[in-house]
Amino acid sequence: MPFPQPNQVLRAGLYMVIAMACFILNDSCIKTIGTTLPLGEIISIRGVLSVLVIAAICVQQGILGSVPLLFAPNVLARSLLDVLGTFLFLTALMHMPIANLTAILQSVPLAVLLVSVIFLKEKVGLRRTTAILAGFIGVLMIVRPSPSTFTIYEVLALGIVFVLAFRDLITKRIPAHIPTFIIALANACFVALGGVAYGFYQGFQNVAFWQFGLLCAAAILLATGYMFMVATLRLGDLSATAPFRYSNVLFAIILGMAVFNEFPDAVSYVGMVLIIAAGIYAAHREAIVGRKVNEPV
């Protein structure tokens, strides 16, 4: 299997950094209006706008005829897990420092390894097991579960990690003939429907111009981030681009300080470093194992 050229890896890394910046800016838009509108209304409006953006991309790509694949079993299961993950994430985002929540979510690849071992009986060696343990020690250093500081929102953050881990495992089992943007469209459609349903339960409020503007920006940033992520995965080796993925923790720290006046303490910073180091090492080991499996015999 040919390895990517150095300039190709750098371009893929740049695309990954742009994608991460888009995702964090999207989160910041939502966090900014999170206390001014009901959660269901936020999810439904952003969801509908995201559907329009992704549907336009599908038209441009000439794949809108594949819309019936939205209801393929694995695509549907992935979308429903993403609906749950979206609600949990946005609820936690409204009540947690953005840098802490972002750092905790960096342990999703480690959780995927753990879930694979427990439920799929996959073999994981000592080194990757150590990476999993180190990553979750990092999570605990951020969450610090003690009666005085542990809240329901830390529980939600941990729940999100495993919801997304199961989602990623299902994603790997989606047939290759289903276009990536059809999967994204399914996700946007079901998240929007979930938001509308919850919105009717909570009730809707009038949306001010500035709120609608931020929701439009969030939808565009989300779609843009997804496009750059797709470009990254097509250009670069996952293990080579993995270190660039953790740039979103840096973006989250900067935005948390500048916009939300949130300053992680020293223990949280150590936890972030542990999660990032464990994630990069696990990706490195994954690449080595994958190469050995694919070597001709």
C-alpha atoms as a PDB file:
ATOM      1  CA  MET A   1       0.000   0.000   0.000  1.00  0.00           C
ATOM      2  CA  PRO A   2       1.576   3.348  -1.043  1.00  0.00           C
ATOM      3  CA  PHE A   3       2.236   5.897   1.679  1.00  0.00           C
ATOM      4  CA  PRO A   4       1.112   9.524   1.284  1.00  0.00           C
ATOM      5  CA  GLN A   5       3.748  12.008   0.106  1.00  0.00           C
ATOM      6  CA  PRO A   6       4.995  14.549   2.735  1.00  0.00           C
ATOM      7  CA  ASN A   7       3.271  17.504   1.019  1.00  0.00           C
ATOM      8  CA  GLN A   8       0.064  15.474   0.831  1.00  0.00           C
ATOM      9  CA  VAL A   9       0.250  14.741   4.567  1.00  0.00           C
ATOM     10  CA  LEU A  10       0.830  18.439   5.336  1.00  0.00           C
ATOM     11  CA  ARG A  11      -2.144  19.441   3.177  1.00  0.00           C
ATOM     12  CA  ALA A  12      -4.309  16.823   4.898  1.00  0.00           C
ATOM     13  CA  GLY A  13      -3.095  18.133   8.262  1.00  0.00           C
ATOM     14  CA  LEU A  14      -3.998  21.690   7.272  1.00  0.00           C
ATOM     15  CA  TYR A  15      -7.477  20.527   6.235  1.00  0.00           C
ATOM     16  CA  MET A  16      -7.828  18.775   9.605  1.00  0.00           C
ATOM     17  CA  VAL A  17      -6.880  21.972  11.485  1.00  0.00           C
ATOM     18  CA  ILE A  18      -9.437  23.967   9.440  1.00  0.00           C
ATOM     19  CA  ALA A  19     -12.104  21.331  10.179  1.00  0.00           C
ATOM     20  CA  MET A  20     -11.338  21.445  13.903  1.00  0.00           C
ATOM     21  CA  ALA A  21     -11.496  25.266  13.911  1.00  0.00           C
ATOM     22  CA  CYS A  22     -14.893  25.132  12.188  1.00  0.00           C
ATOM     23  CA  PHE A  23     -16.256  22.623  14.712  1.00  0.00           C
ATOM     24  CA  ILE A  24     -15.083  24.653  17.721  1.00  0.00           C
ATOM     25  CA  LEU A  25     -16.441  27.916  16.256  1.00  0.00           C
ATOM     26  CA  ASN A  26     -19.756  26.109  15.697  1.00  0.00           C
ATOM     27  CA  ASP A  27     -19.768  24.997  19.331  1.00  0.00           C
ATOM     28  CA  SER A  28     -19.001  28.558  20.440  1.00  0.00           C
ATOM     29  CA  CYS A  29     -21.933  29.947  18.435  1.00  0.00           C
ATOM     30  CA  ILE A  30     -24.278  27.439  20.049  1.00  0.00           C
ATOM     31  CA  LYS A  31     -22.882  28.021  23.547  1.00  0.00           C
ATOM     32  CA  THR A  32     -23.336  31.789  23.087  1.00  0.00           C
ATOM     33  CA  ILE A  33     -27.079  31.487  22.438  1.00  0.00           C
ATOM     34  CA  GLY A  34     -27.570  28.397  24.621  1.00  0.00           C
ATOM     35  CA  THR A  35     -29.104  30.280  27.542  1.00  0.00           C
ATOM     36  CA  THR A  36     -31.360  32.436  25.365  1.00  0.00           C
ATOM     37  CA  LEU A  37     -33.348  29.809  23.440  1.00  0.00           C
ATOM     38  CA  PRO A  38     -34.771  26.362  24.320  1.00  0.00           C
ATOM     39  CA  LEU A  39     -32.501  23.446  23.423  1.00  0.00           C
ATOM     40  CA  GLY A  40     -35.040  21.850  21.071  1.00  0.00           C
ATOM     41  CA  GLU A  41     -35.429  25.086  19.124  1.00  0.00           C
ATOM     42  CA  ILE A  42     -31.644  25.482  18.792  1.00  0.00           C
ATOM     43  CA  ILE A  43     -31.229  21.910  17.528  1.00  0.00           C
ATOM     44  CA  SER A  44     -34.175  22.119  15.132  1.00  0.00           C
ATOM     45  CA  ILE A  45     -33.187  25.448  13.528  1.00  0.00           C
ATOM     46  CA  ARG A  46     -29.515  24.518  13.177  1.00  0.00           C
ATOM     47  CA  GLY A  47     -30.556  21.072  11.955  1.00  0.00           C
ATOM     48  CA  VAL A  48     -32.857  22.400   9.232  1.00  0.00           C
ATOM     49  CA  LEU A  49     -30.186  24.841   8.063  1.00  0.00           C
ATOM     50  CA  SER A  50     -27.608  22.025   8.019  1.00  0.00           C
ATOM     51  CA  VAL A  51     -29.983  19.865   5.957  1.00  0.00           C
ATOM     52  CA  LEU A  52     -30.275  22.656   3.375  1.00  0.00           C
ATOM     53  CA  VAL A  53     -26.490  23.125   3.172  1.00  0.00           C
ATOM     54  CA  ILE A  54     -25.702  19.386   2.900  1.00  0.00           C
ATOM     55  CA  ALA A  55     -28.586  18.777   0.465  1.00  0.00           C
ATOM     56  CA  ALA A  56     -27.171  21.523  -1.776  1.00  0.00           C
ATOM     57  CA  ILE A  57     -23.799  19.733  -1.685  1.00  0.00           C
ATOM     58  CA  CYS A  58     -25.510  16.438  -2.580  1.00  0.00           C
ATOM     59  CA  VAL A  59     -27.160  18.133  -5.576  1.00  0.00           C
ATOM     60  CA  GLN A  60     -23.802  19.549  -6.661  1.00  0.00           C
ATOM     61  CA  GLN A  61     -22.226  16.078  -6.316  1.00  0.00           C
ATOM     62  CA  GLY A  62     -25.094  14.486  -8.252  1.00  0.00           C
ATOM     63  CA  ILE A  63     -25.902  11.994  -5.484  1.00  0.00           C
ATOM     64  CA  LEU A  64     -29.349  13.194  -4.372  1.00  0.00           C
ATOM     65  CA  GLY A  65     -30.834  10.123  -6.054  1.00  0.00           C
ATOM     66  CA  SER A  66     -29.287   8.058  -3.251  1.00  0.00           C
ATOM     67  CA  VAL A  67     -31.617   9.606  -0.654  1.00  0.00           C
ATOM     68  CA  PRO A  68     -33.469   6.277  -0.016  1.00  0.00           C
ATOM     69  CA  LEU A  69     -30.189   5.035   1.485  1.00  0.00           C
ATOM     70  CA  LEU A  70     -30.929   7.324   4.463  1.00  0.00           C
ATOM     71  CA  PHE A  71     -32.984   4.412   5.779  1.00  0.00           C
ATOM     72  CA  ALA A  72     -30.334   1.726   5.335  1.00  0.00           C
ATOM     73  CA  PRO A  73     -30.102  -0.075   8.725  1.00  0.00           C
ATOM     74  CA  ASN A  74     -26.547   1.015   9.625  1.00  0.00           C
ATOM     75  CA  VAL A  75     -27.101   4.589   8.400  1.00  0.00           C
ATOM     76  CA  LEU A  76     -30.323   4.814  10.416  1.00  0.00           C
ATOM     77  CA  ALA A  77     -28.677   3.370  13.544  1.00  0.00           C
ATOM     78  CA  ARG A  78     -25.755   5.797  13.202  1.00  0.00           C
ATOM     79  CA  SER A  79     -28.130   8.739  12.787  1.00  0.00           C
ATOM     80  CA  LEU A  80     -30.165   7.833  15.869  1.00  0.00           C
ATOM     81  CA  LEU A  81     -27.005   7.579  17.965  1.00  0.00           C
ATOM     82  CA  ASP A  82     -25.947  10.983  16.638  1.00  0.00           C
ATOM     83  CA  VAL A  83     -29.314  12.432  17.670  1.00  0.00           C
ATOM     84  CA  LEU A  84     -28.712  11.177  21.209  1.00  0.00           C
ATOM     85  CA  GLY A  85     -25.107  12.402  21.142  1.00  0.00           C
ATOM     86  CA  THR A  86     -26.180  15.859  19.913  1.00  0.00           C
ATOM     87  CA  PHE A  87     -28.685  16.330  22.736  1.00  0.00           C
ATOM     88  CA  LEU A  88     -26.211  15.141  25.361  1.00  0.00           C
ATOM     89  CA  PHE A  89     -23.388  17.255  23.923  1.00  0.00           C
ATOM     90  CA  LEU A  90     -25.337  20.512  23.665  1.00  0.00           C
ATOM     91  CA  THR A  91     -26.800  20.050  27.151  1.00  0.00           C
ATOM     92  CA  ALA A  92     -23.308  19.529  28.602  1.00  0.00           C
ATOM     93  CA  LEU A  93     -21.889  22.390  26.501  1.00  0.00           C
ATOM     94  CA  MET A  94     -24.293  24.872  28.100  1.00  0.00           C
ATOM     95  CA  HIS A  95     -23.031  23.991  31.592  1.00  0.00           C
ATOM     96  CA  MET A  96     -19.351  22.996  31.194  1.00  0.00           C
ATOM     97  CA  PRO A  97     -16.191  24.852  30.146  1.00  0.00           C
ATOM     98  CA  ILE A  98     -15.836  24.321  26.396  1.00  0.00           C
ATOM     99  CA  ALA A  99     -12.150  23.312  26.716  1.00  0.00           C
ATOM    100  CA  ASN A 100     -12.912  20.624  29.334  1.00  0.00           C
ATOM    101  CA  LEU A 101     -15.762  19.119  27.304  1.00  0.00           C
ATOM    102  CA  THR A 102     -13.724  19.203  24.091  1.00  0.00           C
ATOM    103  CA  ALA A 103     -10.785  17.494  25.792  1.00  0.00           C
ATOM    104  CA  ILE A 104     -12.986  14.741  27.239  1.00  0.00           C
ATOM    105  CA  LEU A 105     -14.391  14.020  23.768  1.00  0.00           C
ATOM    106  CA  GLN A 106     -10.853  13.429  22.476  1.00  0.00           C
ATOM    107  CA  SER A 107     -11.028  10.091  24.285  1.00  0.00           C
ATOM    108  CA  VAL A 108     -13.655   8.778  21.813  1.00  0.00           C
ATOM    109  CA  PRO A 109     -11.044   6.854  19.702  1.00  0.00           C
ATOM    110  CA  LEU A 110      -9.799   5.238  22.919  1.00  0.00           C
ATOM    111  CA  ALA A 111     -13.377   4.351  23.866  1.00  0.00           C
ATOM    112  CA  VAL A 112     -13.832   2.775  20.413  1.00  0.00           C
ATOM    113  CA  LEU A 113     -10.872   0.496  21.175  1.00  0.00           C
ATOM    114  CA  LEU A 114     -12.340  -0.365  24.582  1.00  0.00           C
ATOM    115  CA  VAL A 115     -15.809  -1.097  23.173  1.00  0.00           C
ATOM    116  CA  SER A 116     -14.240  -3.245  20.436  1.00  0.00           C
ATOM    117  CA  VAL A 117     -12.478  -5.330  23.077  1.00  0.00           C
ATOM    118  CA  ILE A 118     -15.562  -5.741  25.282  1.00  0.00           C
ATOM    119  CA  PHE A 119     -18.285  -6.268  22.671  1.00  0.00           C
ATOM    120  CA  LEU A 120     -16.456  -7.436  19.531  1.00  0.00           C
ATOM    121  CA  LYS A 121     -13.770  -9.483  21.332  1.00  0.00           C
ATOM    122  CA  GLU A 122     -11.009  -7.797  19.335  1.00  0.00           C
ATOM    123  CA  LYS A 123      -7.422  -8.422  20.383  1.00  0.00           C
ATOM    124  CA  VAL A 124      -5.691  -5.333  21.760  1.00  0.00           C
ATOM    125  CA  GLY A 125      -2.078  -5.529  22.887  1.00  0.00           C
ATOM    126  CA  LEU A 126      -0.490  -4.200  26.056  1.00  0.00           C
ATOM    127  CA  ARG A 127       0.620  -0.918  24.463  1.00  0.00           C
ATOM    128  CA  ARG A 128      -2.818   0.076  23.191  1.00  0.00           C
ATOM    129  CA  THR A 129      -4.365  -1.068  26.473  1.00  0.00           C
ATOM    130  CA  THR A 130      -1.937   1.240  28.283  1.00  0.00           C
ATOM    131  CA  ALA A 131      -2.972   4.088  25.950  1.00  0.00           C
ATOM    132  CA  ILE A 132      -6.647   3.485  26.806  1.00  0.00           C
ATOM    133  CA  LEU A 133      -5.922   3.542  30.537  1.00  0.00           C
ATOM    134  CA  ALA A 134      -3.763   6.678  30.248  1.00  0.00           C
ATOM    135  CA  GLY A 135      -6.487   8.434  28.250  1.00  0.00           C
ATOM    136  CA  PHE A 136      -9.163   7.661  30.811  1.00  0.00           C
ATOM    137  CA  ILE A 137      -6.906   8.762  33.662  1.00  0.00           C
ATOM    138  CA  GLY A 138      -6.695  12.041  31.750  1.00  0.00           C
ATOM    139  CA  VAL A 139     -10.496  12.183  31.565  1.00  0.00           C
ATOM    140  CA  LEU A 140     -10.757  11.589  35.313  1.00  0.00           C
ATOM    141  CA  MET A 141      -8.250  14.381  35.948  1.00  0.00           C
ATOM    142  CA  ILE A 142     -10.551  16.770  34.080  1.00  0.00           C
ATOM    143  CA  VAL A 143     -13.840  15.475  35.497  1.00  0.00           C
ATOM    144  CA  ARG A 144     -12.529  14.781  39.021  1.00  0.00           C
ATOM    145  CA  PRO A 145     -15.529  12.817  40.322  1.00  0.00           C
ATOM    146  CA  SER A 146     -15.911  13.936  43.936  1.00  0.00           C
ATOM    147  CA  PRO A 147     -19.207  14.626  45.755  1.00  0.00           C
ATOM    148  CA  SER A 148     -18.431  18.363  45.906  1.00  0.00           C
ATOM    149  CA  THR A 149     -17.542  18.896  42.233  1.00  0.00           C
ATOM    150  CA  PHE A 150     -19.143  16.039  40.260  1.00  0.00           C
ATOM    151  CA  THR A 151     -22.378  17.063  38.527  1.00  0.00           C
ATOM    152  CA  ILE A 152     -24.820  15.501  36.086  1.00  0.00           C
ATOM    153  CA  TYR A 153     -23.055  17.316  33.249  1.00  0.00           C
ATOM    154  CA  GLU A 154     -19.821  15.390  33.818  1.00  0.00           C
ATOM    155  CA  VAL A 155     -21.939  12.217  33.642  1.00  0.00           C
ATOM    156  CA  LEU A 156     -23.356  13.461  30.328  1.00  0.00           C
ATOM    157  CA  ALA A 157     -19.826  14.117  29.011  1.00  0.00           C
ATOM    158  CA  LEU A 158     -18.799  10.537  29.833  1.00  0.00           C
ATOM    159  CA  GLY A 159     -22.040   9.271  28.261  1.00  0.00           C
ATOM    160  CA  ILE A 160     -21.309  11.181  25.057  1.00  0.00           C
ATOM    161  CA  VAL A 161     -17.922   9.458  24.749  1.00  0.00           C
ATOM    162  CA  PHE A 162     -19.488   6.000  24.651  1.00  0.00           C
ATOM    163  CA  VAL A 163     -22.461   7.031  22.487  1.00  0.00           C
ATOM    164  CA  LEU A 164     -19.999   8.378  19.910  1.00  0.00           C
ATOM    165  CA  ALA A 165     -17.809   5.279  20.261  1.00  0.00           C
ATOM    166  CA  PHE A 166     -20.736   3.022  19.313  1.00  0.00           C
ATOM    167  CA  ARG A 167     -21.628   5.448  16.509  1.00  0.00           C
ATOM    168  CA  ASP A 168     -18.095   5.199  15.108  1.00  0.00           C
ATOM    169  CA  LEU A 169     -18.157   1.406  15.260  1.00  0.00           C
ATOM    170  CA  ILE A 170     -21.416   1.379  13.286  1.00  0.00           C
ATOM    171  CA  THR A 171     -19.963   3.900  10.818  1.00  0.00           C
ATOM    172  CA  LYS A 172     -17.166   1.452   9.981  1.00  0.00           C
ATOM    173  CA  ARG A 173     -19.821  -1.095   8.990  1.00  0.00           C
ATOM    174  CA  ILE A 174     -21.704   1.168   6.574  1.00  0.00           C
ATOM    175  CA  PRO A 175     -21.257  -0.243   3.044  1.00  0.00           C
ATOM    176  CA  ALA A 176     -18.724   1.621   0.894  1.00  0.00           C
ATOM    177  CA  HIS A 177     -21.270   2.272  -1.886  1.00  0.00           C
ATOM    178  CA  ILE A 178     -23.224   4.681   0.348  1.00  0.00           C
ATOM    179  CA  PRO A 179     -21.848   8.206  -0.328  1.00  0.00           C
ATOM    180  CA  THR A 180     -20.323  10.086   2.611  1.00  0.00           C
ATOM    181  CA  PHE A 181     -22.571  13.111   2.112  1.00  0.00           C
ATOM    182  CA  ILE A 182     -25.684  10.909   2.130  1.00  0.00           C
ATOM    183  CA  ILE A 183     -24.578   9.701   5.583  1.00  0.00           C
ATOM    184  CA  ALA A 184     -24.108  13.336   6.611  1.00  0.00           C
ATOM    185  CA  LEU A 185     -27.537  14.228   5.199  1.00  0.00           C
ATOM    186  CA  ALA A 186     -29.148  11.389   7.165  1.00  0.00           C
ATOM    187  CA  ASN A 187     -27.483  12.645  10.319  1.00  0.00           C
ATOM    188  CA  ALA A 188     -28.666  16.235   9.722  1.00  0.00           C
ATOM    189  CA  CYS A 189     -32.234  15.148   8.884  1.00  0.00           C
ATOM    190  CA  PHE A 190     -32.719  12.981  11.968  1.00  0.00           C
ATOM    191  CA  VAL A 191     -31.082  15.517  14.290  1.00  0.00           C
ATOM    192  CA  ALA A 192     -33.388  18.199  12.888  1.00  0.00           C
ATOM    193  CA  LEU A 193     -36.438  15.945  13.389  1.00  0.00           C
ATOM    194  CA  GLY A 194     -35.351  15.204  16.958  1.00  0.00           C
ATOM    195  CA  GLY A 195     -34.977  18.925  17.599  1.00  0.00           C
ATOM    196  CA  VAL A 196     -38.421  19.695  16.174  1.00  0.00           C
ATOM    197  CA  ALA A 197     -40.040  16.967  18.302  1.00  0.00           C
ATOM    198  CA  TYR A 198     -38.304  18.217  21.456  1.00  0.00           C
ATOM    199  CA  GLY A 199     -39.125  21.787  20.466  1.00  0.00           C
ATOM    200  CA  PHE A 200     -42.847  21.015  20.450  1.00  0.00           C
ATOM    201  CA  TYR A 201     -42.439  19.531  23.930  1.00  0.00           C
ATOM    202  CA  GLN A 202     -40.468  22.526  25.262  1.00  0.00           C
ATOM    203  CA  GLY A 203     -42.173  25.225  23.256  1.00  0.00           C
ATOM    204  CA  PHE A 204     -40.712  27.686  20.769  1.00  0.00           C
ATOM    205  CA  GLN A 205     -39.739  31.318  21.277  1.00  0.00           C
ATOM    206  CA  ASN A 206     -39.365  34.215  18.875  1.00  0.00           C
ATOM    207  CA  VAL A 207     -35.865  34.227  17.408  1.00  0.00           C
ATOM    208  CA  ALA A 208     -34.005  37.541  17.339  1.00  0.00           C
ATOM    209  CA  PHE A 209     -31.973  38.484  14.274  1.00  0.00           C
ATOM    210  CA  TRP A 210     -28.647  37.985  16.084  1.00  0.00           C
ATOM    211  CA  GLN A 211     -29.720  34.538  17.301  1.00  0.00           C
ATOM    212  CA  PHE A 212     -30.743  33.445  13.809  1.00  0.00           C
ATOM    213  CA  GLY A 213     -27.461  34.825  12.451  1.00  0.00           C
ATOM    214  CA  LEU A 214     -25.453  32.737  14.916  1.00  0.00           C
ATOM    215  CA  LEU A 215     -27.499  29.620  14.080  1.00  0.00           C
ATOM    216  CA  CYS A 216     -26.875  30.206  10.346  1.00  0.00           C
ATOM    217  CA  ALA A 217     -23.165  30.607  11.065  1.00  0.00           C
ATOM    218  CA  ALA A 218     -23.184  27.412  13.168  1.00  0.00           C
ATOM    219  CA  ALA A 219     -24.850  25.422  10.372  1.00  0.00           C
ATOM    220  CA  ILE A 220     -22.392  26.691   7.732  1.00  0.00           C
ATOM    221  CA  LEU A 221     -19.403  26.065  10.020  1.00  0.00           C
ATOM    222  CA  LEU A 222     -20.642  22.536  10.748  1.00  0.00           C
ATOM    223  CA  ALA A 223     -21.053  21.713   7.047  1.00  0.00           C
ATOM    224  CA  THR A 224     -17.691  23.326   6.173  1.00  0.00           C
ATOM    225  CA  GLY A 225     -15.937  21.397   8.929  1.00  0.00           C
ATOM    226  CA  TYR A 226     -17.439  18.168   7.666  1.00  0.00           C
ATOM    227  CA  MET A 227     -16.273  18.865   4.089  1.00  0.00           C
ATOM    228  CA  PHE A 228     -12.710  19.537   5.234  1.00  0.00           C
ATOM    229  CA  MET A 229     -12.822  16.391   7.366  1.00  0.00           C
ATOM    230  CA  VAL A 230     -13.831  14.342   4.318  1.00  0.00           C
ATOM    231  CA  ALA A 231     -10.983  15.954   2.332  1.00  0.00           C
ATOM    232  CA  THR A 232      -8.583  15.059   5.159  1.00  0.00           C
ATOM    233  CA  LEU A 233      -9.616  11.410   5.218  1.00  0.00           C
ATOM    234  CA  ARG A 234      -9.226  11.141   1.440  1.00  0.00           C
ATOM    235  CA  LEU A 235      -5.796  12.766   1.364  1.00  0.00           C
ATOM    236  CA  GLY A 236      -3.937  11.604   4.457  1.00  0.00           C
ATOM    237  CA  ASP A 237      -3.191   8.504   6.466  1.00  0.00           C
ATOM    238  CA  LEU A 238      -5.235   8.541   9.689  1.00  0.00           C
ATOM    239  CA  SER A 239      -2.202   8.037  11.918  1.00  0.00           C
ATOM    240  CA  ALA A 240      -0.317  10.861  10.167  1.00  0.00           C
ATOM    241  CA  THR A 241      -3.179  13.350  10.537  1.00  0.00           C
ATOM    242  CA  ALA A 242      -4.221  12.304  14.062  1.00  0.00           C
ATOM    243  CA  PRO A 243      -1.937  14.837  15.829  1.00  0.00           C
ATOM    244  CA  PHE A 244      -3.628  17.666  13.893  1.00  0.00           C
ATOM    245  CA  ARG A 245      -7.034  16.540  15.222  1.00  0.00           C
ATOM    246  CA  TYR A 246      -6.065  17.664  18.720  1.00  0.00           C
ATOM    247  CA  SER A 247      -5.693  21.274  17.578  1.00  0.00           C
ATOM    248  CA  ASN A 248      -9.366  21.649  18.539  1.00  0.00           C
ATOM    249  CA  VAL A 249      -8.379  21.418  22.222  1.00  0.00           C
ATOM    250  CA  LEU A 250      -6.079  24.414  21.706  1.00  0.00           C
ATOM    251  CA  PHE A 251      -8.841  26.293  19.864  1.00  0.00           C
ATOM    252  CA  ALA A 252     -11.296  25.446  22.654  1.00  0.00           C
ATOM    253  CA  ILE A 253      -8.912  26.711  25.356  1.00  0.00           C
ATOM    254  CA  ILE A 254      -8.329  29.991  23.497  1.00  0.00           C
ATOM    255  CA  LEU A 255     -12.022  30.590  22.779  1.00  0.00           C
ATOM    256  CA  GLY A 256     -12.999  29.552  26.304  1.00  0.00           C
ATOM    257  CA  MET A 257     -10.650  32.168  27.739  1.00  0.00           C
ATOM    258  CA  ALA A 258     -11.390  34.927  25.227  1.00  0.00           C
ATOM    259  CA  VAL A 259     -15.160  34.533  24.837  1.00  0.00           C
ATOM    260  CA  PHE A 260     -16.512  32.718  27.894  1.00  0.00           C
ATOM    261  CA  ASN A 261     -13.949  33.688  30.557  1.00  0.00           C
ATOM    262  CA  GLU A 262     -13.246  29.995  31.262  1.00  0.00           C
ATOM    263  CA  PHE A 263      -9.769  29.122  32.529  1.00  0.00           C
ATOM    264  CA  PRO A 264      -8.868  25.425  33.021  1.00  0.00           C
ATOM    265  CA  ASP A 265      -6.723  24.742  36.073  1.00  0.00           C
ATOM    266  CA  ALA A 266      -3.344  22.991  36.122  1.00  0.00           C
ATOM    267  CA  VAL A 267      -4.791  19.505  36.785  1.00  0.00           C
ATOM    268  CA  SER A 268      -7.143  19.860  33.798  1.00  0.00           C
ATOM    269  CA  TYR A 269      -4.218  20.833  31.565  1.00  0.00           C
ATOM    270  CA  VAL A 270      -2.320  17.703  32.647  1.00  0.00           C
ATOM    271  CA  GLY A 271      -5.418  15.622  31.885  1.00  0.00           C
ATOM    272  CA  MET A 272      -5.671  17.190  28.416  1.00  0.00           C
ATOM    273  CA  VAL A 273      -2.023  16.366  27.693  1.00  0.00           C
ATOM    274  CA  LEU A 274      -2.563  12.743  28.788  1.00  0.00           C
ATOM    275  CA  ILE A 275      -5.629  12.335  26.545  1.00  0.00           C
ATOM    276  CA  ILE A 276      -3.867  13.846  23.538  1.00  0.00           C
ATOM    277  CA  ALA A 277      -0.679  11.817  24.031  1.00  0.00           C
ATOM    278  CA  ALA A 278      -2.670   8.599  24.478  1.00  0.00           C
ATOM    279  CA  GLY A 279      -4.772   9.316  21.384  1.00  0.00           C
ATOM    280  CA  ILE A 280      -1.759  10.021  19.185  1.00  0.00           C
ATOM    281  CA  TYR A 281       0.038   6.906  20.425  1.00  0.00           C
ATOM    282  CA  ALA A 282      -3.067   4.726  19.913  1.00  0.00           C
ATOM    283  CA  ALA A 283      -3.394   6.033  16.325  1.00  0.00           C
ATOM    284  CA  HIS A 284       0.298   5.258  15.765  1.00  0.00           C
ATOM    285  CA  ARG A 285      -0.115   1.706  17.050  1.00  0.00           C
ATOM    286  CA  GLU A 286      -3.311   1.280  14.996  1.00  0.00           C
ATOM    287  CA  ALA A 287      -1.364   2.209  11.857  1.00  0.00           C
ATOM    288  CA  ILE A 288       1.419  -0.282  12.680  1.00  0.00           C
ATOM    289  CA  VAL A 289      -1.081  -3.086  13.315  1.00  0.00           C
ATOM    290  CA  GLY A 290      -2.952  -2.200  10.094  1.00  0.00           C
ATOM    291  CA  ARG A 291       0.243  -2.328   8.031  1.00  0.00           C
ATOM    292  CA  LYS A 292       1.149  -5.738   9.451  1.00  0.00           C
ATOM    293  CA  VAL A 293      -2.317  -7.075   8.626  1.00  0.00           C
ATOM    294  CA  ASN A 294      -2.101  -5.731   5.050  1.00  0.00           C
ATOM    295  CA  GLU A 295       1.443  -6.966   4.379  1.00  0.00           C
ATOM    296  CA  PRO A 296       1.611  -9.646   1.666  1.00  0.00           C
ATOM    297  CA  VAL A 297       2.375 -13.137   2.893  1.00  0.00           C
END
